[in-house]
Amino acid sequence: MKKAVWIALIVSLVLVNLGAWIAEQATGFSIPMILRLVLVLGITVGTTIFAGAFALVSKFDEERPLTGHGNDTLQQRPANQPANTGNAATPPERQGSGAADPRAAPADQADSSRSADDNGSDNA
């Protein structure tokens, strides 16, 4: 990223001054040096922001979720270690057990809990 910022600074310095010189030759109007400096710094800061954003976006594929240890996020996972696919809210003793949640009502109980008059008919 440092290289991109230096390249942007040098290129913008040359192009802004070249553009100001061409404009002065063509129109006779001189662009003050403070305005040139502001343009150069604005271009450099904009390039810094875009280079930083590009660096962050390019690292998205390399990162993996935290496994409980903050220092192994970017390291390669060993081949024999499975990926942690469980829900973070699920306690570790319940992850991957395949057991249903005992608090959840089974689907057949939910349907049988309807009253006798509410059987879907329109008897009034």
C-alpha atoms as a PDB file:
ATOM      1  CA  MET A   1       0.000   0.000   0.000  1.00  0.00           C
ATOM      2  CA  LYS A   2       2.907   2.336   0.709  1.00  0.00           C
ATOM      3  CA  LYS A   3       4.105   1.872  -2.831  1.00  0.00           C
ATOM      4  CA  ALA A   4       0.676   2.809  -4.228  1.00  0.00           C
ATOM      5  CA  VAL A   5       0.591   5.991  -2.133  1.00  0.00           C
ATOM      6  CA  TRP A   6       4.059   7.083  -3.271  1.00  0.00           C
ATOM      7  CA  ILE A   7       3.200   6.375  -6.901  1.00  0.00           C
ATOM      8  CA  ALA A   8      -0.036   8.347  -6.562  1.00  0.00           C
ATOM      9  CA  LEU A   9       1.797  11.276  -4.964  1.00  0.00           C
ATOM     10  CA  ILE A  10       4.416  11.466  -7.709  1.00  0.00           C
ATOM     11  CA  VAL A  11       1.943  10.968 -10.570  1.00  0.00           C
ATOM     12  CA  SER A  12      -0.516  13.512  -9.188  1.00  0.00           C
ATOM     13  CA  LEU A  13       2.282  16.022  -8.580  1.00  0.00           C
ATOM     14  CA  VAL A  14       3.444  15.725 -12.179  1.00  0.00           C
ATOM     15  CA  LEU A  15      -0.043  15.688 -13.744  1.00  0.00           C
ATOM     16  CA  VAL A  16      -1.428  18.605 -11.704  1.00  0.00           C
ATOM     17  CA  ASN A  17       1.584  20.784 -12.466  1.00  0.00           C
ATOM     18  CA  LEU A  18       1.545  19.766 -16.142  1.00  0.00           C
ATOM     19  CA  GLY A  19      -2.182  20.529 -16.352  1.00  0.00           C
ATOM     20  CA  ALA A  20      -1.664  23.894 -14.663  1.00  0.00           C
ATOM     21  CA  TRP A  21       1.160  24.744 -17.059  1.00  0.00           C
ATOM     22  CA  ILE A  22      -0.948  23.767 -20.100  1.00  0.00           C
ATOM     23  CA  ALA A  23      -3.891  25.809 -18.795  1.00  0.00           C
ATOM     24  CA  GLU A  24      -1.602  28.808 -18.224  1.00  0.00           C
ATOM     25  CA  GLN A  25      -0.173  28.548 -21.749  1.00  0.00           C
ATOM     26  CA  ALA A  26      -3.607  28.173 -23.346  1.00  0.00           C
ATOM     27  CA  THR A  27      -5.557  30.773 -21.362  1.00  0.00           C
ATOM     28  CA  GLY A  28      -2.991  32.976 -19.672  1.00  0.00           C
ATOM     29  CA  PHE A  29      -4.592  32.242 -16.279  1.00  0.00           C
ATOM     30  CA  SER A  30      -2.153  31.074 -13.612  1.00  0.00           C
ATOM     31  CA  ILE A  31      -3.354  28.508 -11.071  1.00  0.00           C
ATOM     32  CA  PRO A  32      -1.944  29.399  -7.636  1.00  0.00           C
ATOM     33  CA  MET A  33       0.520  26.966  -6.081  1.00  0.00           C
ATOM     34  CA  ILE A  34      -1.655  26.459  -2.968  1.00  0.00           C
ATOM     35  CA  LEU A  35      -4.507  25.199  -5.170  1.00  0.00           C
ATOM     36  CA  ARG A  36      -2.115  22.838  -6.934  1.00  0.00           C
ATOM     37  CA  LEU A  37      -0.919  21.541  -3.574  1.00  0.00           C
ATOM     38  CA  VAL A  38      -4.488  20.970  -2.402  1.00  0.00           C
ATOM     39  CA  LEU A  39      -5.260  19.025  -5.589  1.00  0.00           C
ATOM     40  CA  VAL A  40      -2.141  16.880  -5.190  1.00  0.00           C
ATOM     41  CA  LEU A  41      -2.895  16.093  -1.548  1.00  0.00           C
ATOM     42  CA  GLY A  42      -6.565  15.381  -2.315  1.00  0.00           C
ATOM     43  CA  ILE A  43      -5.650  12.915  -5.039  1.00  0.00           C
ATOM     44  CA  THR A  44      -3.087  11.262  -2.764  1.00  0.00           C
ATOM     45  CA  VAL A  45      -5.539  10.914   0.149  1.00  0.00           C
ATOM     46  CA  GLY A  46      -8.213   9.524  -2.183  1.00  0.00           C
ATOM     47  CA  THR A  47      -5.773   6.991  -3.559  1.00  0.00           C
ATOM     48  CA  THR A  48      -4.775   6.010  -0.019  1.00  0.00           C
ATOM     49  CA  ILE A  49      -8.401   5.344   0.899  1.00  0.00           C
ATOM     50  CA  PHE A  50      -9.043   3.283  -2.216  1.00  0.00           C
ATOM     51  CA  ALA A  51      -5.785   1.329  -1.830  1.00  0.00           C
ATOM     52  CA  GLY A  52      -6.651   0.538   1.783  1.00  0.00           C
ATOM     53  CA  ALA A  53     -10.148  -0.593   0.829  1.00  0.00           C
ATOM     54  CA  PHE A  54      -8.731  -2.780  -1.936  1.00  0.00           C
ATOM     55  CA  ALA A  55      -6.246  -4.334   0.514  1.00  0.00           C
ATOM     56  CA  LEU A  56      -9.057  -5.128   2.973  1.00  0.00           C
ATOM     57  CA  VAL A  57     -11.321  -6.622   0.309  1.00  0.00           C
ATOM     58  CA  SER A  58      -8.508  -8.772  -1.048  1.00  0.00           C
ATOM     59  CA  LYS A  59      -7.921 -10.247   2.442  1.00  0.00           C
ATOM     60  CA  PHE A  60     -11.548 -11.395   2.851  1.00  0.00           C
ATOM     61  CA  ASP A  61     -10.905 -14.779   1.246  1.00  0.00           C
ATOM     62  CA  GLU A  62      -7.846 -15.463   3.395  1.00  0.00           C
ATOM     63  CA  GLU A  63      -9.512 -14.874   6.760  1.00  0.00           C
ATOM     64  CA  ARG A  64     -11.576 -17.444   8.584  1.00  0.00           C
ATOM     65  CA  PRO A  65     -13.824 -17.054  11.628  1.00  0.00           C
ATOM     66  CA  LEU A  66     -12.328 -17.041  15.081  1.00  0.00           C
ATOM     67  CA  THR A  67     -12.032 -20.478  16.650  1.00  0.00           C
ATOM     68  CA  GLY A  68     -11.791 -19.179  20.159  1.00  0.00           C
ATOM     69  CA  HIS A  69      -8.152 -18.192  19.866  1.00  0.00           C
ATOM     70  CA  GLY A  70      -7.394 -14.787  18.431  1.00  0.00           C
ATOM     71  CA  ASN A  71      -3.907 -15.635  17.212  1.00  0.00           C
ATOM     72  CA  ASP A  72      -4.844 -18.394  14.750  1.00  0.00           C
ATOM     73  CA  THR A  73      -7.303 -16.540  12.544  1.00  0.00           C
ATOM     74  CA  LEU A  74      -5.068 -16.157   9.503  1.00  0.00           C
ATOM     75  CA  GLN A  75      -3.083 -19.362   9.923  1.00  0.00           C
ATOM     76  CA  GLN A  76      -3.777 -22.411   7.815  1.00  0.00           C
ATOM     77  CA  ARG A  77      -5.999 -25.044   9.407  1.00  0.00           C
ATOM     78  CA  PRO A  78      -4.354 -28.473   9.780  1.00  0.00           C
ATOM     79  CA  ALA A  79      -5.738 -31.117   7.419  1.00  0.00           C
ATOM     80  CA  ASN A  80      -7.070 -33.326  10.224  1.00  0.00           C
ATOM     81  CA  GLN A  81      -8.918 -30.499  12.011  1.00  0.00           C
ATOM     82  CA  PRO A  82     -12.556 -30.165  10.841  1.00  0.00           C
ATOM     83  CA  ALA A  83     -14.116 -26.784  10.243  1.00  0.00           C
ATOM     84  CA  ASN A  84     -16.278 -25.451  13.061  1.00  0.00           C
ATOM     85  CA  THR A  85     -19.699 -25.428  11.417  1.00  0.00           C
ATOM     86  CA  GLY A  86     -21.791 -25.247  14.586  1.00  0.00           C
ATOM     87  CA  ASN A  87     -23.814 -22.255  15.630  1.00  0.00           C
ATOM     88  CA  ALA A  88     -21.876 -19.905  17.921  1.00  0.00           C
ATOM     89  CA  ALA A  89     -24.878 -19.704  20.278  1.00  0.00           C
ATOM     90  CA  THR A  90     -25.028 -23.492  20.625  1.00  0.00           C
ATOM     91  CA  PRO A  91     -23.019 -24.844  23.569  1.00  0.00           C
ATOM     92  CA  PRO A  92     -20.074 -27.060  22.549  1.00  0.00           C
ATOM     93  CA  GLU A  93     -21.555 -30.179  24.143  1.00  0.00           C
ATOM     94  CA  ARG A  94     -24.600 -29.915  21.844  1.00  0.00           C
ATOM     95  CA  GLN A  95     -22.812 -29.111  18.598  1.00  0.00           C
ATOM     96  CA  GLY A  96     -22.941 -31.878  16.070  1.00  0.00           C
ATOM     97  CA  SER A  97     -24.947 -34.201  18.347  1.00  0.00           C
ATOM     98  CA  GLY A  98     -27.955 -34.091  16.026  1.00  0.00           C
ATOM     99  CA  ALA A  99     -30.272 -34.003  19.040  1.00  0.00           C
ATOM    100  CA  ALA A 100     -33.410 -31.942  18.617  1.00  0.00           C
ATOM    101  CA  ASP A 101     -34.060 -29.054  20.943  1.00  0.00           C
ATOM    102  CA  PRO A 102     -36.288 -30.419  23.754  1.00  0.00           C
ATOM    103  CA  ARG A 103     -37.897 -26.993  24.181  1.00  0.00           C
ATOM    104  CA  ALA A 104     -39.235 -26.996  20.621  1.00  0.00           C
ATOM    105  CA  ALA A 105     -42.609 -28.650  20.090  1.00  0.00           C
ATOM    106  CA  PRO A 106     -42.700 -31.403  17.480  1.00  0.00           C
ATOM    107  CA  ALA A 107     -44.596 -30.595  14.291  1.00  0.00           C
ATOM    108  CA  ASP A 108     -47.397 -33.121  14.977  1.00  0.00           C
ATOM    109  CA  GLN A 109     -48.033 -31.624  18.444  1.00  0.00           C
ATOM    110  CA  ALA A 110     -48.286 -28.134  16.994  1.00  0.00           C
ATOM    111  CA  ASP A 111     -51.032 -29.255  14.593  1.00  0.00           C
ATOM    112  CA  SER A 112     -52.974 -31.230  17.216  1.00  0.00           C
ATOM    113  CA  SER A 113     -53.086 -28.263  19.564  1.00  0.00           C
ATOM    114  CA  ARG A 114     -55.852 -26.636  17.484  1.00  0.00           C
ATOM    115  CA  SER A 115     -59.286 -26.665  18.987  1.00  0.00           C
ATOM    116  CA  ALA A 116     -62.122 -28.747  17.575  1.00  0.00           C
ATOM    117  CA  ASP A 117     -64.045 -25.708  16.213  1.00  0.00           C
ATOM    118  CA  ASP A 118     -60.973 -24.426  14.403  1.00  0.00           C
ATOM    119  CA  ASN A 119     -60.648 -27.250  11.913  1.00  0.00           C
ATOM    120  CA  GLY A 120     -60.663 -25.050   8.846  1.00  0.00           C
ATOM    121  CA  SER A 121     -64.385 -25.360   8.047  1.00  0.00           C
ATOM    122  CA  ASP A 122     -66.601 -22.325   7.625  1.00  0.00           C
ATOM    123  CA  ASN A 123     -69.514 -23.549   9.726  1.00  0.00           C
ATOM    124  CA  ALA A 124     -71.138 -20.519  11.288  1.00  0.00           C
END
